[in-house]
Amino acid sequence: TNRPAQGFWFVPGGRILKSETLDDAFRRLTQ
């Protein structure tokens, strides 16, 4: 629904936040 790639079919995902470990980011994004 949002830019970039708005309207396209895309795998889920998202940004890693500052001071967020990869494990914490993965857990947050999957949730």
All heavy atoms as atom14 arrays in JSON, in Angstrom:
{
  "sequence": "TNRPAQGFWFVPGGRILKSETLDDAFRRLTQ",
  "atom14_mask": [
    [1, 1, 1, 1, 1, 1, 1, 0, 0, 0, 0, 0, 0, 0],
    [1, 1, 1, 1, 1, 1, 1, 1, 0, 0, 0, 0, 0, 0],
    [1, 1, 1, 1, 1, 1, 1, 1, 1, 1, 1, 0, 0, 0],
    [1, 1, 1, 1, 1, 1, 1, 0, 0, 0, 0, 0, 0, 0],
    [1, 1, 1, 1, 1, 0, 0, 0, 0, 0, 0, 0, 0, 0],
    [1, 1, 1, 1, 1, 1, 1, 1, 1, 0, 0, 0, 0, 0],
    [1, 1, 1, 1, 0, 0, 0, 0, 0, 0, 0, 0, 0, 0],
    [1, 1, 1, 1, 1, 1, 1, 1, 1, 1, 1, 0, 0, 0],
    [1, 1, 1, 1, 1, 1, 1, 1, 1, 1, 1, 1, 1, 1],
    [1, 1, 1, 1, 1, 1, 1, 1, 1, 1, 1, 0, 0, 0],
    [1, 1, 1, 1, 1, 1, 1, 0, 0, 0, 0, 0, 0, 0],
    [1, 1, 1, 1, 1, 1, 1, 0, 0, 0, 0, 0, 0, 0],
    [1, 1, 1, 1, 0, 0, 0, 0, 0, 0, 0, 0, 0, 0],
    [1, 1, 1, 1, 0, 0, 0, 0, 0, 0, 0, 0, 0, 0],
    [1, 1, 1, 1, 1, 1, 1, 1, 1, 1, 1, 0, 0, 0],
    [1, 1, 1, 1, 1, 1, 1, 1, 0, 0, 0, 0, 0, 0],
    [1, 1, 1, 1, 1, 1, 1, 1, 0, 0, 0, 0, 0, 0],
    [1, 1, 1, 1, 1, 1, 1, 1, 1, 0, 0, 0, 0, 0],
    [1, 1, 1, 1, 1, 1, 0, 0, 0, 0, 0, 0, 0, 0],
    [1, 1, 1, 1, 1, 1, 1, 1, 1, 0, 0, 0, 0, 0],
    [1, 1, 1, 1, 1, 1, 1, 0, 0, 0, 0, 0, 0, 0],
    [1, 1, 1, 1, 1, 1, 1, 1, 0, 0, 0, 0, 0, 0],
    [1, 1, 1, 1, 1, 1, 1, 1, 0, 0, 0, 0, 0, 0],
    [1, 1, 1, 1, 1, 1, 1, 1, 0, 0, 0, 0, 0, 0],
    [1, 1, 1, 1, 1, 0, 0, 0, 0, 0, 0, 0, 0, 0],
    [1, 1, 1, 1, 1, 1, 1, 1, 1, 1, 1, 0, 0, 0],
    [1, 1, 1, 1, 1, 1, 1, 1, 1, 1, 1, 0, 0, 0],
    [1, 1, 1, 1, 1, 1, 1, 1, 1, 1, 1, 0, 0, 0],
    [1, 1, 1, 1, 1, 1, 1, 1, 0, 0, 0, 0, 0, 0],
    [1, 1, 1, 1, 1, 1, 1, 0, 0, 0, 0, 0, 0, 0],
    [1, 1, 1, 1, 1, 1, 1, 1, 1, 0, 0, 0, 0, 0]
  ],
  "atom14_positions": [
    [[0.82, -1.21, 0.0], [0.0, 0.0, 0.0], [0.85, 1.26, 0.0], [0.36, 2.33, -0.34], [-0.93, 0.03, 1.24], [-0.14, -0.08, 2.42], [-1.94, -1.09, 1.18], [0.0, 0.0, 0.0], [0.0, 0.0, 0.0], [0.0, 0.0, 0.0], [0.0, 0.0, 0.0], [0.0, 0.0, 0.0], [0.0, 0.0, 0.0], [0.0, 0.0, 0.0]],
    [[2.13, 1.15, 0.38], [3.0, 2.31, 0.52], [4.13, 2.29, -0.51], [4.49, 1.26, -1.04], [3.63, 2.34, 1.92], [2.58, 2.39, 3.0], [1.58, 3.08, 2.87], [2.8, 1.66, 4.08], [0.0, 0.0, 0.0], [0.0, 0.0, 0.0], [0.0, 0.0, 0.0], [0.0, 0.0, 0.0], [0.0, 0.0, 0.0], [0.0, 0.0, 0.0]],
    [[4.69, 3.49, -0.73], [5.89, 3.6, -1.54], [7.09, 3.17, -0.71], [7.04, 3.31, 0.5], [6.09, 5.05, -1.99], [5.05, 5.51, -2.97], [5.36, 6.96, -3.38], [4.35, 7.47, -4.27], [4.38, 7.32, -5.6], [5.38, 6.7, -6.17], [3.43, 7.81, -6.34], [0.0, 0.0, 0.0], [0.0, 0.0, 0.0], [0.0, 0.0, 0.0]],
    [[8.15, 2.71, -1.31], [8.29, 2.36, -2.72], [7.63, 1.02, -3.04], [7.21, 0.31, -2.12], [9.81, 2.28, -2.9], [10.35, 1.92, -1.57], [9.4, 2.51, -0.56], [0.0, 0.0, 0.0], [0.0, 0.0, 0.0], [0.0, 0.0, 0.0], [0.0, 0.0, 0.0], [0.0, 0.0, 0.0], [0.0, 0.0, 0.0], [0.0, 0.0, 0.0]],
    [[7.54, 0.71, -4.29], [6.93, -0.53, -4.81], [5.43, -0.59, -4.53], [4.85, -1.66, -4.46], [7.64, -1.76, -4.28], [0.0, 0.0, 0.0], [0.0, 0.0, 0.0], [0.0, 0.0, 0.0], [0.0, 0.0, 0.0], [0.0, 0.0, 0.0], [0.0, 0.0, 0.0], [0.0, 0.0, 0.0], [0.0, 0.0, 0.0], [0.0, 0.0, 0.0]],
    [[4.8, 0.55, -4.4], [3.37, 0.62, -4.14], [2.58, -0.09, -5.23], [2.84, 0.09, -6.41], [2.94, 2.09, -4.05], [1.51, 2.3, -3.64], [1.2, 3.78, -3.5], [1.66, 4.59, -4.3], [0.43, 4.12, -2.49], [0.0, 0.0, 0.0], [0.0, 0.0, 0.0], [0.0, 0.0, 0.0], [0.0, 0.0, 0.0], [0.0, 0.0, 0.0]],
    [[1.63, -0.92, -4.81], [0.78, -1.65, -5.75], [1.33, -3.0, -6.18], [0.59, -3.83, -6.69], [0.0, 0.0, 0.0], [0.0, 0.0, 0.0], [0.0, 0.0, 0.0], [0.0, 0.0, 0.0], [0.0, 0.0, 0.0], [0.0, 0.0, 0.0], [0.0, 0.0, 0.0], [0.0, 0.0, 0.0], [0.0, 0.0, 0.0], [0.0, 0.0, 0.0]],
    [[2.61, -3.21, -6.01], [3.21, -4.5, -6.4], [2.99, -5.55, -5.31], [2.84, -5.24, -4.14], [4.73, -4.34, -6.61], [5.1, -3.73, -7.93], [5.37, -2.37, -8.02], [5.21, -4.52, -9.06], [5.72, -1.81, -9.22], [5.57, -3.96, -10.28], [5.82, -2.6, -10.36], [0.0, 0.0, 0.0], [0.0, 0.0, 0.0], [0.0, 0.0, 0.0]],
    [[3.05, -6.82, -5.73], [3.07, -7.94, -4.8], [4.51, -8.12, -4.38], [5.41, -8.2, -5.22], [2.51, -9.19, -5.47], [1.03, -9.1, -5.68], [0.4, -8.62, -6.78], [0.02, -9.47, -4.75], [-0.97, -8.66, -6.6], [-1.23, -9.19, -5.35], [0.03, -10.0, -3.46], [-2.44, -9.43, -4.71], [-1.18, -10.25, -2.83], [-2.39, -9.97, -3.46]],
    [[4.72, -8.19, -3.07], [6.08, -8.15, -2.52], [6.14, -9.02, -1.28], [5.15, -9.19, -0.57], [6.41, -6.7, -2.13], [7.85, -6.34, -2.28], [8.32, -5.71, -3.41], [8.76, -6.62, -1.27], [9.66, -5.37, -3.55], [10.09, -6.28, -1.38], [10.55, -5.65, -2.53], [0.0, 0.0, 0.0], [0.0, 0.0, 0.0], [0.0, 0.0, 0.0]],
    [[7.31, -9.58, -1.01], [7.48, -10.34, 0.23], [7.37, -9.38, 1.42], [7.7, -8.2, 1.3], [8.82, -11.1, 0.28], [8.9, -12.14, -0.83], [10.0, -10.16, 0.25], [0.0, 0.0, 0.0], [0.0, 0.0, 0.0], [0.0, 0.0, 0.0], [0.0, 0.0, 0.0], [0.0, 0.0, 0.0], [0.0, 0.0, 0.0], [0.0, 0.0, 0.0]],
    [[6.91, -9.85, 2.57], [6.87, -9.0, 3.77], [8.29, -8.67, 4.23], [9.25, -9.36, 3.9], [6.17, -9.88, 4.81], [5.52, -10.99, 4.05], [6.32, -11.17, 2.8], [0.0, 0.0, 0.0], [0.0, 0.0, 0.0], [0.0, 0.0, 0.0], [0.0, 0.0, 0.0], [0.0, 0.0, 0.0], [0.0, 0.0, 0.0], [0.0, 0.0, 0.0]],
    [[8.41, -7.63, 5.02], [9.7, -7.24, 5.57], [9.68, -5.82, 6.06], [8.64, -5.17, 6.09], [0.0, 0.0, 0.0], [0.0, 0.0, 0.0], [0.0, 0.0, 0.0], [0.0, 0.0, 0.0], [0.0, 0.0, 0.0], [0.0, 0.0, 0.0], [0.0, 0.0, 0.0], [0.0, 0.0, 0.0], [0.0, 0.0, 0.0], [0.0, 0.0, 0.0]],
    [[10.85, -5.33, 6.44], [10.93, -3.96, 6.91], [12.32, -3.59, 7.36], [13.24, -4.41, 7.38], [0.0, 0.0, 0.0], [0.0, 0.0, 0.0], [0.0, 0.0, 0.0], [0.0, 0.0, 0.0], [0.0, 0.0, 0.0], [0.0, 0.0, 0.0], [0.0, 0.0, 0.0], [0.0, 0.0, 0.0], [0.0, 0.0, 0.0], [0.0, 0.0, 0.0]],
    [[12.47, -2.32, 7.74], [13.75, -1.76, 8.14], [14.21, -2.29, 9.5], [13.41, -2.57, 10.38], [13.66, -0.24, 8.23], [13.44, 0.45, 6.92], [13.54, 1.96, 7.05], [13.02, 2.54, 8.26], [11.77, 2.93, 8.44], [10.89, 2.76, 7.48], [11.39, 3.47, 9.58], [0.0, 0.0, 0.0], [0.0, 0.0, 0.0], [0.0, 0.0, 0.0]],
    [[15.52, -2.33, 9.65], [16.14, -2.57, 10.95], [16.31, -1.2, 11.59], [16.78, -0.25, 10.95], [17.49, -3.29, 10.78], [17.28, -4.65, 10.11], [18.2, -3.43, 12.12], [18.56, -5.32, 9.66], [0.0, 0.0, 0.0], [0.0, 0.0, 0.0], [0.0, 0.0, 0.0], [0.0, 0.0, 0.0], [0.0, 0.0, 0.0], [0.0, 0.0, 0.0]],
    [[15.92, -1.09, 12.85], [15.99, 0.19, 13.54], [17.36, 0.4, 14.19], [18.05, -0.57, 14.53], [14.9, 0.25, 14.61], [13.47, 0.05, 14.11], [12.5, 0.07, 15.28], [13.1, 1.09, 13.07], [0.0, 0.0, 0.0], [0.0, 0.0, 0.0], [0.0, 0.0, 0.0], [0.0, 0.0, 0.0], [0.0, 0.0, 0.0], [0.0, 0.0, 0.0]],
    [[17.73, 1.64, 14.38], [18.97, 2.0, 15.08], [18.97, 1.35, 16.46], [17.97, 1.36, 17.16], [19.05, 3.52, 15.2], [20.17, 4.03, 16.06], [21.48, 4.01, 15.32], [22.54, 4.7, 16.18], [23.83, 4.57, 15.62], [0.0, 0.0, 0.0], [0.0, 0.0, 0.0], [0.0, 0.0, 0.0], [0.0, 0.0, 0.0], [0.0, 0.0, 0.0]],
    [[20.09, 0.72, 16.82], [20.3, 0.06, 18.1], [19.48, -1.22, 18.27], [19.4, -1.76, 19.37], [20.02, 1.0, 19.28], [20.87, 2.13, 19.21], [0.0, 0.0, 0.0], [0.0, 0.0, 0.0], [0.0, 0.0, 0.0], [0.0, 0.0, 0.0], [0.0, 0.0, 0.0], [0.0, 0.0, 0.0], [0.0, 0.0, 0.0], [0.0, 0.0, 0.0]],
    [[18.9, -1.71, 17.21], [18.12, -2.95, 17.26], [19.0, -4.1, 16.74], [19.57, -4.01, 15.66], [16.87, -2.82, 16.38], [15.93, -3.99, 16.43], [14.67, -3.75, 15.62], [14.77, -3.23, 14.47], [13.58, -4.07, 16.12], [0.0, 0.0, 0.0], [0.0, 0.0, 0.0], [0.0, 0.0, 0.0], [0.0, 0.0, 0.0], [0.0, 0.0, 0.0]],
    [[19.12, -5.17, 17.51], [19.89, -6.31, 17.04], [19.15, -7.0, 15.9], [17.94, -6.84, 15.73], [20.13, -7.33, 18.17], [18.87, -7.93, 18.51], [20.78, -6.69, 19.39], [0.0, 0.0, 0.0], [0.0, 0.0, 0.0], [0.0, 0.0, 0.0], [0.0, 0.0, 0.0], [0.0, 0.0, 0.0], [0.0, 0.0, 0.0], [0.0, 0.0, 0.0]],
    [[19.88, -7.79, 15.11], [19.24, -8.54, 14.03], [18.17, -9.48, 14.58], [17.1, -9.63, 13.99], [20.28, -9.32, 13.23], [21.22, -8.49, 12.36], [22.26, -9.39, 11.72], [20.46, -7.71, 11.32], [0.0, 0.0, 0.0], [0.0, 0.0, 0.0], [0.0, 0.0, 0.0], [0.0, 0.0, 0.0], [0.0, 0.0, 0.0], [0.0, 0.0, 0.0]],
    [[18.47, -10.14, 15.7], [17.49, -11.05, 16.29], [16.23, -10.31, 16.72], [15.11, -10.78, 16.49], [18.09, -11.8, 17.48], [19.1, -12.86, 17.07], [19.04, -13.33, 15.9], [19.96, -13.21, 17.89], [0.0, 0.0, 0.0], [0.0, 0.0, 0.0], [0.0, 0.0, 0.0], [0.0, 0.0, 0.0], [0.0, 0.0, 0.0], [0.0, 0.0, 0.0]],
    [[16.4, -9.15, 17.35], [15.23, -8.37, 17.78], [14.45, -7.85, 16.57], [13.22, -7.86, 16.57], [15.66, -7.2, 18.66], [16.1, -7.63, 20.05], [15.82, -8.79, 20.46], [16.73, -6.81, 20.75], [0.0, 0.0, 0.0], [0.0, 0.0, 0.0], [0.0, 0.0, 0.0], [0.0, 0.0, 0.0], [0.0, 0.0, 0.0], [0.0, 0.0, 0.0]],
    [[15.17, -7.41, 15.54], [14.5, -6.92, 14.33], [13.72, -8.05, 13.67], [12.57, -7.86, 13.24], [15.53, -6.34, 13.36], [0.0, 0.0, 0.0], [0.0, 0.0, 0.0], [0.0, 0.0, 0.0], [0.0, 0.0, 0.0], [0.0, 0.0, 0.0], [0.0, 0.0, 0.0], [0.0, 0.0, 0.0], [0.0, 0.0, 0.0], [0.0, 0.0, 0.0]],
    [[14.31, -9.21, 13.59], [13.63, -10.36, 12.96], [12.36, -10.71, 13.73], [11.29, -10.9, 13.15], [14.58, -11.56, 12.9], [14.09, -12.67, 12.03], [14.41, -12.7, 10.69], [13.28, -13.67, 12.53], [13.95, -13.71, 9.86], [12.8, -14.68, 11.72], [13.15, -14.71, 10.38], [0.0, 0.0, 0.0], [0.0, 0.0, 0.0], [0.0, 0.0, 0.0]],
    [[12.47, -10.76, 15.05], [11.31, -11.08, 15.89], [10.22, -10.02, 15.72], [9.04, -10.33, 15.56], [11.77, -11.16, 17.35], [10.82, -11.85, 18.28], [11.4, -12.02, 19.69], [12.7, -12.68, 19.71], [13.88, -12.08, 19.96], [13.94, -10.8, 20.24], [15.0, -12.77, 19.94], [0.0, 0.0, 0.0], [0.0, 0.0, 0.0], [0.0, 0.0, 0.0]],
    [[10.6, -8.73, 15.73], [9.63, -7.65, 15.57], [8.96, -7.7, 14.2], [7.74, -7.57, 14.07], [10.32, -6.28, 15.76], [9.39, -5.08, 15.48], [10.13, -3.76, 15.64], [11.3, -3.62, 14.79], [11.26, -3.24, 13.5], [10.11, -2.98, 12.9], [12.39, -3.11, 12.82], [0.0, 0.0, 0.0], [0.0, 0.0, 0.0], [0.0, 0.0, 0.0]],
    [[9.77, -7.89, 13.17], [9.22, -7.89, 11.8], [8.32, -9.09, 11.54], [7.3, -8.96, 10.87], [10.35, -7.82, 10.78], [11.04, -6.45, 10.72], [12.32, -6.54, 9.91], [10.1, -5.4, 10.16], [0.0, 0.0, 0.0], [0.0, 0.0, 0.0], [0.0, 0.0, 0.0], [0.0, 0.0, 0.0], [0.0, 0.0, 0.0], [0.0, 0.0, 0.0]],
    [[8.69, -10.26, 12.04], [7.8, -11.41, 11.84], [6.49, -11.2, 12.58], [5.42, -11.57, 12.08], [8.46, -12.74, 12.25], [8.95, -12.65, 13.59], [9.59, -13.11, 11.29], [0.0, 0.0, 0.0], [0.0, 0.0, 0.0], [0.0, 0.0, 0.0], [0.0, 0.0, 0.0], [0.0, 0.0, 0.0], [0.0, 0.0, 0.0], [0.0, 0.0, 0.0]],
    [[6.54, -10.57, 13.75], [5.31, -10.3, 14.49], [4.45, -9.26, 13.77], [3.26, -9.47, 13.56], [5.62, -9.81, 15.91], [4.38, -9.49, 16.73], [3.51, -10.71, 16.96], [3.97, -11.71, 17.48], [2.26, -10.65, 16.56], [0.0, 0.0, 0.0], [0.0, 0.0, 0.0], [0.0, 0.0, 0.0], [0.0, 0.0, 0.0], [0.0, 0.0, 0.0]]
  ]
}
